[in-house]
Each structure stands twice: as structure tokens, then as C-alpha cells.
Amino acid sequence: MTAPLIIQRREYRPGSGGSGKHRGGLGQTIEVTHAQGAPFVISKMFERIHHPARGRQGGESGAPGRVYIKGGEELRGKGQDVVPAGATLVMETPGGGGTGHPAERTAAAIKMDEEAGLL
């Protein structure tokens, strides 16, 4: 790290894992700001921005990832960008693809997902 950055938010992205007998893993939402409100440079090597992880054996694809300035422009998944002074960088990591047909997931597993806020 070359700048004093603050992670303002880091949490799971509900619904980002593909449906299936075995649900795909959830992505995360991460919001980052500069501690003194200054601009900062980010070098990115993100995958699955345009092509989400595909499901297998009837499972659905996970959600694609995104990288953007909160309230502003969408950024490319790779390369270097300057985050403007006072801005918040938002990274939404992609979700994994599900395995097996969603109808094969048990009611108990779906209920657990709903109670945990994963859907």
C-alpha cells in the first residue's frame, strides 16, 4: 500500500452466487477512500467483469464483477486509474457459478440462505 486508504465497507454481495443444488460462492462489495481525501492511483487486474463464472451441470452463472467510482464512472477491470480526490472506489467482486440444477437444492438449504441474508 502506498497511500493511507480506508476500507469503508466490506460485505458479501447477496444473490451474487449462481443458483444450483450447490449455490456458487458470494462476491463482495468493497468501498475504499483515501484517509485525507486526496486522489489515489489503483492498478487493477480483475477478472470476470464481462464474463461471469458459469454454472455447471444445470447450475446458474454467478454475478459479474464491477469496478466504479461511487456515483460516477465505471472503470475497466484491468489497468491503472486515478480515483479523484474525495471519491469512493467501489469494487464488486464476482460470484461463483452454481453446480447442479437449482430445483435440486433442499428447502432447508434455501431457508438457511434466506435467514443468513445470502439471497
PDB file of N, CA and C in Angstrom:
ATOM      1  N   MET A   1       0.857  -1.169   0.000  1.00  0.00           N
ATOM      2  CA  MET A   1       0.000   0.000   0.000  1.00  0.00           C
ATOM      3  C   MET A   1       0.899   1.226   0.000  1.00  0.00           C
ATOM      4  N   THR A   2       0.602   2.154  -0.878  1.00  0.00           N
ATOM      5  CA  THR A   2       1.405   3.363  -0.956  1.00  0.00           C
ATOM      6  C   THR A   2       0.624   4.600  -0.559  1.00  0.00           C
ATOM      7  N   ALA A   3      -0.619   4.451  -0.186  1.00  0.00           N
ATOM      8  CA  ALA A   3      -1.434   5.588   0.246  1.00  0.00           C
ATOM      9  C   ALA A   3      -2.200   5.182   1.495  1.00  0.00           C
ATOM     10  N   PRO A   4      -2.483   6.138   2.392  1.00  0.00           N
ATOM     11  CA  PRO A   4      -3.283   5.782   3.569  1.00  0.00           C
ATOM     12  C   PRO A   4      -4.754   5.623   3.181  1.00  0.00           C
ATOM     13  N   LEU A   5      -5.153   4.404   2.883  1.00  0.00           N
ATOM     14  CA  LEU A   5      -6.520   4.128   2.445  1.00  0.00           C
ATOM     15  C   LEU A   5      -7.359   3.596   3.594  1.00  0.00           C
ATOM     16  N   ILE A   6      -8.649   3.857   3.511  1.00  0.00           N
ATOM     17  CA  ILE A   6      -9.602   3.360   4.498  1.00  0.00           C
ATOM     18  C   ILE A   6     -10.628   2.503   3.782  1.00  0.00           C
ATOM     19  N   ILE A   7     -10.827   1.292   4.292  1.00  0.00           N
ATOM     20  CA  ILE A   7     -11.893   0.441   3.766  1.00  0.00           C
ATOM     21  C   ILE A   7     -13.161   0.837   4.512  1.00  0.00           C
ATOM     22  N   GLN A   8     -14.066   1.493   3.799  1.00  0.00           N
ATOM     23  CA  GLN A   8     -15.302   1.987   4.400  1.00  0.00           C
ATOM     24  C   GLN A   8     -16.346   0.884   4.569  1.00  0.00           C
ATOM     25  N   ARG A   9     -16.309  -0.080   3.656  1.00  0.00           N
ATOM     26  CA  ARG A   9     -17.324  -1.142   3.670  1.00  0.00           C
ATOM     27  C   ARG A   9     -16.735  -2.381   3.014  1.00  0.00           C
ATOM     28  N   ARG A  10     -17.010  -3.534   3.611  1.00  0.00           N
ATOM     29  CA  ARG A  10     -16.618  -4.809   3.013  1.00  0.00           C
ATOM     30  C   ARG A  10     -17.639  -5.829   3.483  1.00  0.00           C
ATOM     31  N   GLU A  11     -18.453  -6.304   2.530  1.00  0.00           N
ATOM     32  CA  GLU A  11     -19.514  -7.250   2.876  1.00  0.00           C
ATOM     33  C   GLU A  11     -19.855  -8.133   1.681  1.00  0.00           C
ATOM     34  N   TYR A  12     -20.521  -9.233   1.977  1.00  0.00           N
ATOM     35  CA  TYR A  12     -20.962 -10.123   0.907  1.00  0.00           C
ATOM     36  C   TYR A  12     -21.972  -9.433   0.005  1.00  0.00           C
ATOM     37  N   ARG A  13     -21.996  -9.832  -1.277  1.00  0.00           N
ATOM     38  CA  ARG A  13     -22.989  -9.349  -2.243  1.00  0.00           C
ATOM     39  C   ARG A  13     -24.124 -10.369  -2.283  1.00  0.00           C
ATOM     40  N   PRO A  14     -25.225 -10.123  -1.570  1.00  0.00           N
ATOM     41  CA  PRO A  14     -26.330 -11.087  -1.585  1.00  0.00           C
ATOM     42  C   PRO A  14     -26.792 -11.368  -3.015  1.00  0.00           C
ATOM     43  N   GLY A  15     -27.064 -12.627  -3.287  1.00  0.00           N
ATOM     44  CA  GLY A  15     -27.568 -13.023  -4.599  1.00  0.00           C
ATOM     45  C   GLY A  15     -26.521 -13.108  -5.698  1.00  0.00           C
ATOM     46  N   SER A  16     -25.245 -12.899  -5.389  1.00  0.00           N
ATOM     47  CA  SER A  16     -24.220 -12.905  -6.439  1.00  0.00           C
ATOM     48  C   SER A  16     -23.741 -14.307  -6.802  1.00  0.00           C
ATOM     49  N   GLY A  17     -23.973 -15.293  -5.926  1.00  0.00           N
ATOM     50  CA  GLY A  17     -23.612 -16.673  -6.231  1.00  0.00           C
ATOM     51  C   GLY A  17     -24.691 -17.303  -7.097  1.00  0.00           C
ATOM     52  N   GLY A  18     -24.288 -18.027  -8.122  1.00  0.00           N
ATOM     53  CA  GLY A  18     -25.255 -18.663  -9.014  1.00  0.00           C
ATOM     54  C   GLY A  18     -26.094 -19.714  -8.298  1.00  0.00           C
ATOM     55  N   SER A  19     -27.366 -19.778  -8.648  1.00  0.00           N
ATOM     56  CA  SER A  19     -28.262 -20.781  -8.061  1.00  0.00           C
ATOM     57  C   SER A  19     -27.860 -22.169  -8.530  1.00  0.00           C
ATOM     58  N   GLY A  20     -28.142 -23.146  -7.706  1.00  0.00           N
ATOM     59  CA  GLY A  20     -27.854 -24.531  -8.052  1.00  0.00           C
ATOM     60  C   GLY A  20     -28.110 -25.422  -6.859  1.00  0.00           C
ATOM     61  N   LYS A  21     -27.991 -26.725  -7.073  1.00  0.00           N
ATOM     62  CA  LYS A  21     -28.070 -27.652  -5.942  1.00  0.00           C
ATOM     63  C   LYS A  21     -27.060 -27.214  -4.894  1.00  0.00           C
ATOM     64  N   HIS A  22     -25.898 -26.805  -5.382  1.00  0.00           N
ATOM     65  CA  HIS A  22     -24.860 -26.208  -4.537  1.00  0.00           C
ATOM     66  C   HIS A  22     -24.668 -24.786  -5.057  1.00  0.00           C
ATOM     67  N   ARG A  23     -25.090 -23.789  -4.272  1.00  0.00           N
ATOM     68  CA  ARG A  23     -25.018 -22.395  -4.673  1.00  0.00           C
ATOM     69  C   ARG A  23     -23.569 -21.972  -4.840  1.00  0.00           C
ATOM     70  N   GLY A  24     -23.313 -21.118  -5.821  1.00  0.00           N
ATOM     71  CA  GLY A  24     -21.971 -20.581  -6.024  1.00  0.00           C
ATOM     72  C   GLY A  24     -21.594 -19.634  -4.902  1.00  0.00           C
ATOM     73  N   GLY A  25     -20.309 -19.465  -4.684  1.00  0.00           N
ATOM     74  CA  GLY A  25     -19.820 -18.571  -3.637  1.00  0.00           C
ATOM     75  C   GLY A  25     -20.190 -17.126  -3.915  1.00  0.00           C
ATOM     76  N   LEU A  26     -20.400 -16.360  -2.858  1.00  0.00           N
ATOM     77  CA  LEU A  26     -20.793 -14.961  -2.996  1.00  0.00           C
ATOM     78  C   LEU A  26     -19.588 -14.074  -3.263  1.00  0.00           C
ATOM     79  N   GLY A  27     -19.812 -13.039  -4.060  1.00  0.00           N
ATOM     80  CA  GLY A  27     -18.827 -11.991  -4.238  1.00  0.00           C
ATOM     81  C   GLY A  27     -18.912 -11.033  -3.057  1.00  0.00           C
ATOM     82  N   GLN A  28     -18.087  -9.994  -3.085  1.00  0.00           N
ATOM     83  CA  GLN A  28     -18.072  -8.991  -2.021  1.00  0.00           C
ATOM     84  C   GLN A  28     -18.216  -7.598  -2.612  1.00  0.00           C
ATOM     85  N   THR A  29     -18.697  -6.682  -1.803  1.00  0.00           N
ATOM     86  CA  THR A  29     -18.681  -5.258  -2.139  1.00  0.00           C
ATOM     87  C   THR A  29     -17.669  -4.617  -1.203  1.00  0.00           C
ATOM     88  N   ILE A  30     -16.699  -3.918  -1.799  1.00  0.00           N
ATOM     89  CA  ILE A  30     -15.638  -3.272  -1.023  1.00  0.00           C
ATOM     90  C   ILE A  30     -15.582  -1.805  -1.444  1.00  0.00           C
ATOM     91  N   GLU A  31     -15.683  -0.897  -0.480  1.00  0.00           N
ATOM     92  CA  GLU A  31     -15.602   0.534  -0.756  1.00  0.00           C
ATOM     93  C   GLU A  31     -14.352   1.093  -0.083  1.00  0.00           C
ATOM     94  N   VAL A  32     -13.554   1.843  -0.862  1.00  0.00           N
ATOM     95  CA  VAL A  32     -12.266   2.355  -0.385  1.00  0.00           C
ATOM     96  C   VAL A  32     -12.178   3.863  -0.637  1.00  0.00           C
ATOM     97  N   THR A  33     -11.683   4.582   0.372  1.00  0.00           N
ATOM     98  CA  THR A  33     -11.433   6.019   0.234  1.00  0.00           C
ATOM     99  C   THR A  33     -10.018   6.329   0.718  1.00  0.00           C
ATOM    100  N   HIS A  34      -9.539   7.513   0.351  1.00  0.00           N
ATOM    101  CA  HIS A  34      -8.245   7.978   0.844  1.00  0.00           C
ATOM    102  C   HIS A  34      -8.461   8.635   2.201  1.00  0.00           C
ATOM    103  N   ALA A  35      -7.591   8.371   3.150  1.00  0.00           N
ATOM    104  CA  ALA A  35      -7.745   8.867   4.520  1.00  0.00           C
ATOM    105  C   ALA A  35      -7.781  10.396   4.606  1.00  0.00           C
ATOM    106  N   GLN A  36      -7.053  11.085   3.724  1.00  0.00           N
ATOM    107  CA  GLN A  36      -7.043  12.546   3.751  1.00  0.00           C
ATOM    108  C   GLN A  36      -7.870  13.164   2.621  1.00  0.00           C
ATOM    109  N   GLY A  37      -8.646  12.340   1.925  1.00  0.00           N
ATOM    110  CA  GLY A  37      -9.477  12.857   0.845  1.00  0.00           C
ATOM    111  C   GLY A  37      -8.712  13.198  -0.421  1.00  0.00           C
ATOM    112  N   ALA A  38      -7.486  12.733  -0.533  1.00  0.00           N
ATOM    113  CA  ALA A  38      -6.650  13.016  -1.704  1.00  0.00           C
ATOM    114  C   ALA A  38      -6.944  12.017  -2.828  1.00  0.00           C
ATOM    115  N   PRO A  39      -6.546  12.352  -4.059  1.00  0.00           N
ATOM    116  CA  PRO A  39      -6.667  11.365  -5.132  1.00  0.00           C
ATOM    117  C   PRO A  39      -5.681  10.222  -4.885  1.00  0.00           C
ATOM    118  N   PHE A  40      -5.993   9.043  -5.432  1.00  0.00           N
ATOM    119  CA  PHE A  40      -5.049   7.929  -5.334  1.00  0.00           C
ATOM    120  C   PHE A  40      -5.135   7.083  -6.595  1.00  0.00           C
ATOM    121  N   VAL A  41      -4.061   6.363  -6.848  1.00  0.00           N
ATOM    122  CA  VAL A  41      -3.953   5.529  -8.049  1.00  0.00           C
ATOM    123  C   VAL A  41      -4.225   4.088  -7.668  1.00  0.00           C
ATOM    124  N   ILE A  42      -4.974   3.395  -8.526  1.00  0.00           N
ATOM    125  CA  ILE A  42      -5.221   1.970  -8.326  1.00  0.00           C
ATOM    126  C   ILE A  42      -4.816   1.228  -9.597  1.00  0.00           C
ATOM    127  N   SER A  43      -4.062   0.146  -9.412  1.00  0.00           N
ATOM    128  CA  SER A  43      -3.703  -0.750 -10.510  1.00  0.00           C
ATOM    129  C   SER A  43      -4.578  -1.984 -10.361  1.00  0.00           C
ATOM    130  N   LYS A  44      -5.321  -2.314 -11.416  1.00  0.00           N
ATOM    131  CA  LYS A  44      -6.326  -3.376 -11.320  1.00  0.00           C
ATOM    132  C   LYS A  44      -6.006  -4.536 -12.254  1.00  0.00           C
ATOM    133  N   MET A  45      -6.316  -5.733 -11.783  1.00  0.00           N
ATOM    134  CA  MET A  45      -6.184  -6.963 -12.577  1.00  0.00           C
ATOM    135  C   MET A  45      -7.398  -7.848 -12.284  1.00  0.00           C
ATOM    136  N   PHE A  46      -8.607  -7.286 -12.401  1.00  0.00           N
ATOM    137  CA  PHE A  46      -9.824  -8.014 -12.068  1.00  0.00           C
ATOM    138  C   PHE A  46     -10.302  -8.877 -13.227  1.00  0.00           C
ATOM    139  N   GLU A  47     -10.756 -10.054 -12.895  1.00  0.00           N
ATOM    140  CA  GLU A  47     -11.336 -10.984 -13.872  1.00  0.00           C
ATOM    141  C   GLU A  47     -12.845 -11.054 -13.662  1.00  0.00           C
ATOM    142  N   ARG A  48     -13.514 -11.663 -14.597  1.00  0.00           N
ATOM    143  CA  ARG A  48     -14.968 -11.913 -14.506  1.00  0.00           C
ATOM    144  C   ARG A  48     -15.789 -10.631 -14.451  1.00  0.00           C
ATOM    145  N   ILE A  49     -15.306  -9.570 -15.133  1.00  0.00           N
ATOM    146  CA  ILE A  49     -16.058  -8.328 -15.233  1.00  0.00           C
ATOM    147  C   ILE A  49     -17.105  -8.451 -16.348  1.00  0.00           C
ATOM    148  N   HIS A  50     -16.698  -8.980 -17.474  1.00  0.00           N
ATOM    149  CA  HIS A  50     -17.610  -9.117 -18.620  1.00  0.00           C
ATOM    150  C   HIS A  50     -18.137 -10.534 -18.795  1.00  0.00           C
ATOM    151  N   HIS A  51     -17.459 -11.506 -18.257  1.00  0.00           N
ATOM    152  CA  HIS A  51     -17.839 -12.910 -18.423  1.00  0.00           C
ATOM    153  C   HIS A  51     -17.900 -13.574 -17.048  1.00  0.00           C
ATOM    154  N   PRO A  52     -19.109 -13.645 -16.468  1.00  0.00           N
ATOM    155  CA  PRO A  52     -19.228 -14.225 -15.120  1.00  0.00           C
ATOM    156  C   PRO A  52     -18.884 -15.709 -15.103  1.00  0.00           C
ATOM    157  N   ALA A  53     -18.599 -16.210 -13.909  1.00  0.00           N
ATOM    158  CA  ALA A  53     -18.326 -17.638 -13.742  1.00  0.00           C
ATOM    159  C   ALA A  53     -19.584 -18.419 -14.123  1.00  0.00           C
ATOM    160  N   ARG A  54     -19.418 -19.382 -15.006  1.00  0.00           N
ATOM    161  CA  ARG A  54     -20.570 -20.164 -15.468  1.00  0.00           C
ATOM    162  C   ARG A  54     -20.903 -21.266 -14.480  1.00  0.00           C
ATOM    163  N   GLY A  55     -22.198 -21.570 -14.417  1.00  0.00           N
ATOM    164  CA  GLY A  55     -22.647 -22.692 -13.613  1.00  0.00           C
ATOM    165  C   GLY A  55     -22.311 -24.000 -14.313  1.00  0.00           C
ATOM    166  N   ARG A  56     -22.397 -25.083 -13.574  1.00  0.00           N
ATOM    167  CA  ARG A  56     -22.111 -26.405 -14.123  1.00  0.00           C
ATOM    168  C   ARG A  56     -23.266 -27.343 -13.828  1.00  0.00           C
ATOM    169  N   GLN A  57     -23.462 -28.311 -14.708  1.00  0.00           N
ATOM    170  CA  GLN A  57     -24.454 -29.373 -14.521  1.00  0.00           C
ATOM    171  C   GLN A  57     -25.835 -28.810 -14.191  1.00  0.00           C
ATOM    172  N   GLY A  58     -26.234 -27.740 -14.896  1.00  0.00           N
ATOM    173  CA  GLY A  58     -27.547 -27.140 -14.701  1.00  0.00           C
ATOM    174  C   GLY A  58     -27.557 -25.958 -13.750  1.00  0.00           C
ATOM    175  N   GLY A  59     -26.441 -25.678 -13.094  1.00  0.00           N
ATOM    176  CA  GLY A  59     -26.367 -24.528 -12.192  1.00  0.00           C
ATOM    177  C   GLY A  59     -26.292 -23.224 -12.972  1.00  0.00           C
ATOM    178  N   GLU A  60     -26.698 -22.139 -12.332  1.00  0.00           N
ATOM    179  CA  GLU A  60     -26.701 -20.832 -12.988  1.00  0.00           C
ATOM    180  C   GLU A  60     -25.372 -20.098 -12.772  1.00  0.00           C
ATOM    181  N   SER A  61     -25.108 -19.166 -13.671  1.00  0.00           N
ATOM    182  CA  SER A  61     -23.877 -18.368 -13.581  1.00  0.00           C
ATOM    183  C   SER A  61     -23.925 -17.432 -12.379  1.00  0.00           C
ATOM    184  N   GLY A  62     -22.749 -17.101 -11.875  1.00  0.00           N
ATOM    185  CA  GLY A  62     -22.647 -16.105 -10.810  1.00  0.00           C
ATOM    186  C   GLY A  62     -22.765 -14.711 -11.393  1.00  0.00           C
ATOM    187  N   ALA A  63     -22.883 -13.717 -10.542  1.00  0.00           N
ATOM    188  CA  ALA A  63     -22.957 -12.319 -10.991  1.00  0.00           C
ATOM    189  C   ALA A  63     -21.570 -11.849 -11.435  1.00  0.00           C
ATOM    190  N   PRO A  64     -21.512 -11.017 -12.480  1.00  0.00           N
ATOM    191  CA  PRO A  64     -20.214 -10.470 -12.887  1.00  0.00           C
ATOM    192  C   PRO A  64     -19.722  -9.450 -11.867  1.00  0.00           C
ATOM    193  N   GLY A  65     -18.425  -9.158 -11.912  1.00  0.00           N
ATOM    194  CA  GLY A  65     -17.847  -8.148 -11.046  1.00  0.00           C
ATOM    195  C   GLY A  65     -17.980  -6.768 -11.664  1.00  0.00           C
ATOM    196  N   ARG A  66     -17.745  -5.742 -10.853  1.00  0.00           N
ATOM    197  CA  ARG A  66     -17.778  -4.348 -11.309  1.00  0.00           C
ATOM    198  C   ARG A  66     -16.734  -3.561 -10.529  1.00  0.00           C
ATOM    199  N   VAL A  67     -16.215  -2.517 -11.167  1.00  0.00           N
ATOM    200  CA  VAL A  67     -15.309  -1.577 -10.505  1.00  0.00           C
ATOM    201  C   VAL A  67     -15.741  -0.194 -10.965  1.00  0.00           C
ATOM    202  N   TYR A  68     -16.032   0.702 -10.002  1.00  0.00           N
ATOM    203  CA  TYR A  68     -16.526   2.018 -10.384  1.00  0.00           C
ATOM    204  C   TYR A  68     -16.293   3.044  -9.275  1.00  0.00           C
ATOM    205  N   ILE A  69     -16.443   4.291  -9.656  1.00  0.00           N
ATOM    206  CA  ILE A  69     -16.398   5.388  -8.697  1.00  0.00           C
ATOM    207  C   ILE A  69     -17.833   5.582  -8.212  1.00  0.00           C
ATOM    208  N   LYS A  70     -18.034   5.581  -6.907  1.00  0.00           N
ATOM    209  CA  LYS A  70     -19.386   5.711  -6.351  1.00  0.00           C
ATOM    210  C   LYS A  70     -20.030   7.003  -6.869  1.00  0.00           C
ATOM    211  N   GLY A  71     -21.206   6.836  -7.493  1.00  0.00           N
ATOM    212  CA  GLY A  71     -21.911   7.978  -8.059  1.00  0.00           C
ATOM    213  C   GLY A  71     -21.285   8.499  -9.341  1.00  0.00           C
ATOM    214  N   GLY A  72     -20.374   7.729  -9.927  1.00  0.00           N
ATOM    215  CA  GLY A  72     -19.659   8.216 -11.103  1.00  0.00           C
ATOM    216  C   GLY A  72     -19.416   7.134 -12.142  1.00  0.00           C
ATOM    217  N   GLU A  73     -18.245   7.199 -12.730  1.00  0.00           N
ATOM    218  CA  GLU A  73     -17.935   6.365 -13.893  1.00  0.00           C
ATOM    219  C   GLU A  73     -17.581   4.920 -13.553  1.00  0.00           C
ATOM    220  N   GLU A  74     -17.876   4.064 -14.517  1.00  0.00           N
ATOM    221  CA  GLU A  74     -17.488   2.653 -14.474  1.00  0.00           C
ATOM    222  C   GLU A  74     -16.026   2.581 -14.924  1.00  0.00           C
ATOM    223  N   LEU A  75     -15.220   1.767 -14.266  1.00  0.00           N
ATOM    224  CA  LEU A  75     -13.812   1.622 -14.629  1.00  0.00           C
ATOM    225  C   LEU A  75     -13.577   0.281 -15.311  1.00  0.00           C
ATOM    226  N   ARG A  76     -12.492   0.202 -16.041  1.00  0.00           N
ATOM    227  CA  ARG A  76     -12.092  -1.057 -16.679  1.00  0.00           C
ATOM    228  C   ARG A  76     -11.634  -2.036 -15.603  1.00  0.00           C
ATOM    229  N   GLY A  77     -11.678  -3.310 -15.924  1.00  0.00           N
ATOM    230  CA  GLY A  77     -11.247  -4.325 -14.974  1.00  0.00           C
ATOM    231  C   GLY A  77      -9.744  -4.447 -14.860  1.00  0.00           C
ATOM    232  N   LYS A  78      -9.028  -3.964 -15.851  1.00  0.00           N
ATOM    233  CA  LYS A  78      -7.570  -4.058 -15.849  1.00  0.00           C
ATOM    234  C   LYS A  78      -6.983  -2.695 -16.163  1.00  0.00           C
ATOM    235  N   GLY A  79      -5.765  -2.480 -15.678  1.00  0.00           N
ATOM    236  CA  GLY A  79      -5.085  -1.221 -15.956  1.00  0.00           C
ATOM    237  C   GLY A  79      -5.009  -0.347 -14.724  1.00  0.00           C
ATOM    238  N   GLN A  80      -4.586   0.882 -14.965  1.00  0.00           N
ATOM    239  CA  GLN A  80      -4.369   1.825 -13.873  1.00  0.00           C
ATOM    240  C   GLN A  80      -5.333   2.998 -14.024  1.00  0.00           C
ATOM    241  N   ASP A  81      -5.915   3.435 -12.918  1.00  0.00           N
ATOM    242  CA  ASP A  81      -6.820   4.580 -12.911  1.00  0.00           C
ATOM    243  C   ASP A  81      -6.518   5.452 -11.705  1.00  0.00           C
ATOM    244  N   VAL A  82      -6.886   6.715 -11.814  1.00  0.00           N
ATOM    245  CA  VAL A  82      -6.783   7.649 -10.695  1.00  0.00           C
ATOM    246  C   VAL A  82      -8.177   7.830 -10.114  1.00  0.00           C
ATOM    247  N   VAL A  83      -8.302   7.583  -8.818  1.00  0.00           N
ATOM    248  CA  VAL A  83      -9.545   7.843  -8.111  1.00  0.00           C
ATOM    249  C   VAL A  83      -9.469   9.298  -7.664  1.00  0.00           C
ATOM    250  N   PRO A  84     -10.439  10.136  -8.090  1.00  0.00           N
ATOM    251  CA  PRO A  84     -10.373  11.566  -7.777  1.00  0.00           C
ATOM    252  C   PRO A  84     -10.418  11.871  -6.279  1.00  0.00           C
ATOM    253  N   ALA A  85      -9.938  13.032  -5.913  1.00  0.00           N
ATOM    254  CA  ALA A  85      -9.956  13.483  -4.518  1.00  0.00           C
ATOM    255  C   ALA A  85     -11.385  13.439  -3.973  1.00  0.00           C
ATOM    256  N   GLY A  86     -11.532  12.890  -2.782  1.00  0.00           N
ATOM    257  CA  GLY A  86     -12.826  12.819  -2.122  1.00  0.00           C
ATOM    258  C   GLY A  86     -13.753  11.727  -2.610  1.00  0.00           C
ATOM    259  N   ALA A  87     -13.343  10.983  -3.637  1.00  0.00           N
ATOM    260  CA  ALA A  87     -14.201   9.952  -4.218  1.00  0.00           C
ATOM    261  C   ALA A  87     -14.039   8.613  -3.493  1.00  0.00           C
ATOM    262  N   THR A  88     -15.024   7.754  -3.691  1.00  0.00           N
ATOM    263  CA  THR A  88     -15.007   6.402  -3.130  1.00  0.00           C
ATOM    264  C   THR A  88     -14.915   5.406  -4.275  1.00  0.00           C
ATOM    265  N   LEU A  89     -13.926   4.526  -4.206  1.00  0.00           N
ATOM    266  CA  LEU A  89     -13.785   3.436  -5.166  1.00  0.00           C
ATOM    267  C   LEU A  89     -14.642   2.273  -4.681  1.00  0.00           C
ATOM    268  N   VAL A  90     -15.449   1.712  -5.581  1.00  0.00           N
ATOM    269  CA  VAL A  90     -16.279   0.560  -5.240  1.00  0.00           C
ATOM    270  C   VAL A  90     -15.851  -0.614  -6.111  1.00  0.00           C
ATOM    271  N   MET A  91     -15.546  -1.730  -5.453  1.00  0.00           N
ATOM    272  CA  MET A  91     -15.202  -2.969  -6.152  1.00  0.00           C
ATOM    273  C   MET A  91     -16.243  -4.005  -5.763  1.00  0.00           C
ATOM    274  N   GLU A  92     -16.923  -4.549  -6.758  1.00  0.00           N
ATOM    275  CA  GLU A  92     -17.871  -5.636  -6.532  1.00  0.00           C
ATOM    276  C   GLU A  92     -17.252  -6.882  -7.144  1.00  0.00           C
ATOM    277  N   THR A  93     -16.784  -7.785  -6.302  1.00  0.00           N
ATOM    278  CA  THR A  93     -16.129  -8.985  -6.827  1.00  0.00           C
ATOM    279  C   THR A  93     -17.192  -9.946  -7.354  1.00  0.00           C
ATOM    280  N   PRO A  94     -16.843 -10.747  -8.350  1.00  0.00           N
ATOM    281  CA  PRO A  94     -17.830 -11.633  -8.959  1.00  0.00           C
ATOM    282  C   PRO A  94     -18.227 -12.791  -8.045  1.00  0.00           C
ATOM    283  N   GLY A  95     -19.411 -13.310  -8.298  1.00  0.00           N
ATOM    284  CA  GLY A  95     -19.876 -14.501  -7.591  1.00  0.00           C
ATOM    285  C   GLY A  95     -19.518 -15.746  -8.374  1.00  0.00           C
ATOM    286  N   GLY A  96     -19.473 -16.869  -7.686  1.00  0.00           N
ATOM    287  CA  GLY A  96     -19.173 -18.145  -8.332  1.00  0.00           C
ATOM    288  C   GLY A  96     -20.418 -18.764  -8.956  1.00  0.00           C
ATOM    289  N   GLY A  97     -20.207 -19.636  -9.924  1.00  0.00           N
ATOM    290  CA  GLY A  97     -21.314 -20.340 -10.567  1.00  0.00           C
ATOM    291  C   GLY A  97     -21.823 -21.483  -9.705  1.00  0.00           C
ATOM    292  N   GLY A  98     -23.125 -21.737  -9.780  1.00  0.00           N
ATOM    293  CA  GLY A  98     -23.724 -22.844  -9.037  1.00  0.00           C
ATOM    294  C   GLY A  98     -23.472 -24.173  -9.724  1.00  0.00           C
ATOM    295  N   THR A  99     -23.624 -25.246  -8.975  1.00  0.00           N
ATOM    296  CA  THR A  99     -23.455 -26.595  -9.511  1.00  0.00           C
ATOM    297  C   THR A  99     -24.737 -27.381  -9.273  1.00  0.00           C
ATOM    298  N   GLY A 100     -25.209 -28.052 -10.308  1.00  0.00           N
ATOM    299  CA  GLY A 100     -26.439 -28.831 -10.198  1.00  0.00           C
ATOM    300  C   GLY A 100     -27.662 -27.951 -10.395  1.00  0.00           C
ATOM    301  N   HIS A 101     -28.765 -28.544 -10.794  1.00  0.00           N
ATOM    302  CA  HIS A 101     -29.990 -27.798 -11.078  1.00  0.00           C
ATOM    303  C   HIS A 101     -30.535 -27.159  -9.797  1.00  0.00           C
ATOM    304  N   PRO A 102     -30.957 -25.876  -9.869  1.00  0.00           N
ATOM    305  CA  PRO A 102     -31.479 -25.191  -8.675  1.00  0.00           C
ATOM    306  C   PRO A 102     -32.654 -25.913  -8.008  1.00  0.00           C
ATOM    307  N   ALA A 103     -33.452 -26.635  -8.776  1.00  0.00           N
ATOM    308  CA  ALA A 103     -34.600 -27.346  -8.200  1.00  0.00           C
ATOM    309  C   ALA A 103     -34.155 -28.477  -7.271  1.00  0.00           C
ATOM    310  N   GLU A 104     -32.888 -28.875  -7.372  1.00  0.00           N
ATOM    311  CA  GLU A 104     -32.366 -29.946  -6.511  1.00  0.00           C
ATOM    312  C   GLU A 104     -31.900 -29.433  -5.148  1.00  0.00           C
ATOM    313  N   ARG A 105     -31.861 -28.116  -4.960  1.00  0.00           N
ATOM    314  CA  ARG A 105     -31.435 -27.567  -3.663  1.00  0.00           C
ATOM    315  C   ARG A 105     -32.558 -27.802  -2.655  1.00  0.00           C
ATOM    316  N   THR A 106     -32.202 -28.256  -1.485  1.00  0.00           N
ATOM    317  CA  THR A 106     -33.217 -28.595  -0.485  1.00  0.00           C
ATOM    318  C   THR A 106     -33.875 -27.334   0.074  1.00  0.00           C
ATOM    319  N   ALA A 107     -35.110 -27.484   0.515  1.00  0.00           N
ATOM    320  CA  ALA A 107     -35.841 -26.369   1.114  1.00  0.00           C
ATOM    321  C   ALA A 107     -35.104 -25.864   2.357  1.00  0.00           C
ATOM    322  N   ALA A 108     -34.511 -26.770   3.108  1.00  0.00           N
ATOM    323  CA  ALA A 108     -33.776 -26.374   4.321  1.00  0.00           C
ATOM    324  C   ALA A 108     -32.568 -25.511   3.960  1.00  0.00           C
ATOM    325  N   ALA A 109     -31.871 -25.858   2.879  1.00  0.00           N
ATOM    326  CA  ALA A 109     -30.699 -25.081   2.455  1.00  0.00           C
ATOM    327  C   ALA A 109     -31.125 -23.698   1.978  1.00  0.00           C
ATOM    328  N   ILE A 110     -32.236 -23.618   1.253  1.00  0.00           N
ATOM    329  CA  ILE A 110     -32.746 -22.323   0.782  1.00  0.00           C
ATOM    330  C   ILE A 110     -33.151 -21.453   1.970  1.00  0.00           C
ATOM    331  N   LYS A 111     -33.815 -22.066   2.948  1.00  0.00           N
ATOM    332  CA  LYS A 111     -34.234 -21.320   4.137  1.00  0.00           C
ATOM    333  C   LYS A 111     -33.023 -20.777   4.895  1.00  0.00           C
ATOM    334  N   MET A 112     -31.978 -21.580   5.014  1.00  0.00           N
ATOM    335  CA  MET A 112     -30.748 -21.136   5.692  1.00  0.00           C
ATOM    336  C   MET A 112     -30.128 -19.958   4.943  1.00  0.00           C
ATOM    337  N   ASP A 113     -30.119 -20.027   3.600  1.00  0.00           N
ATOM    338  CA  ASP A 113     -29.582 -18.921   2.785  1.00  0.00           C
ATOM    339  C   ASP A 113     -30.380 -17.638   3.029  1.00  0.00           C
ATOM    340  N   GLU A 114     -31.711 -17.775   3.055  1.00  0.00           N
ATOM    341  CA  GLU A 114     -32.572 -16.598   3.258  1.00  0.00           C
ATOM    342  C   GLU A 114     -32.359 -16.013   4.660  1.00  0.00           C
ATOM    343  N   GLU A 115     -32.305 -16.867   5.674  1.00  0.00           N
ATOM    344  CA  GLU A 115     -32.102 -16.378   7.046  1.00  0.00           C
ATOM    345  C   GLU A 115     -30.742 -15.709   7.234  1.00  0.00           C
ATOM    346  N   ALA A 116     -29.752 -16.173   6.485  1.00  0.00           N
ATOM    347  CA  ALA A 116     -28.406 -15.601   6.581  1.00  0.00           C
ATOM    348  C   ALA A 116     -28.255 -14.349   5.712  1.00  0.00           C
ATOM    349  N   GLY A 117     -29.305 -14.004   4.931  1.00  0.00           N
ATOM    350  CA  GLY A 117     -29.252 -12.821   4.070  1.00  0.00           C
ATOM    351  C   GLY A 117     -28.390 -13.009   2.840  1.00  0.00           C
ATOM    352  N   LEU A 118     -28.227 -14.250   2.400  1.00  0.00           N
ATOM    353  CA  LEU A 118     -27.357 -14.522   1.253  1.00  0.00           C
ATOM    354  C   LEU A 118     -28.066 -14.422  -0.086  1.00  0.00           C
ATOM    355  N   LEU A 119     -29.380 -14.359  -0.071  1.00  0.00           N
ATOM    356  CA  LEU A 119     -30.143 -14.295  -1.319  1.00  0.00           C
ATOM    357  C   LEU A 119     -30.673 -12.919  -1.577  1.00  0.00           C
TER     358      LEU A 119
END
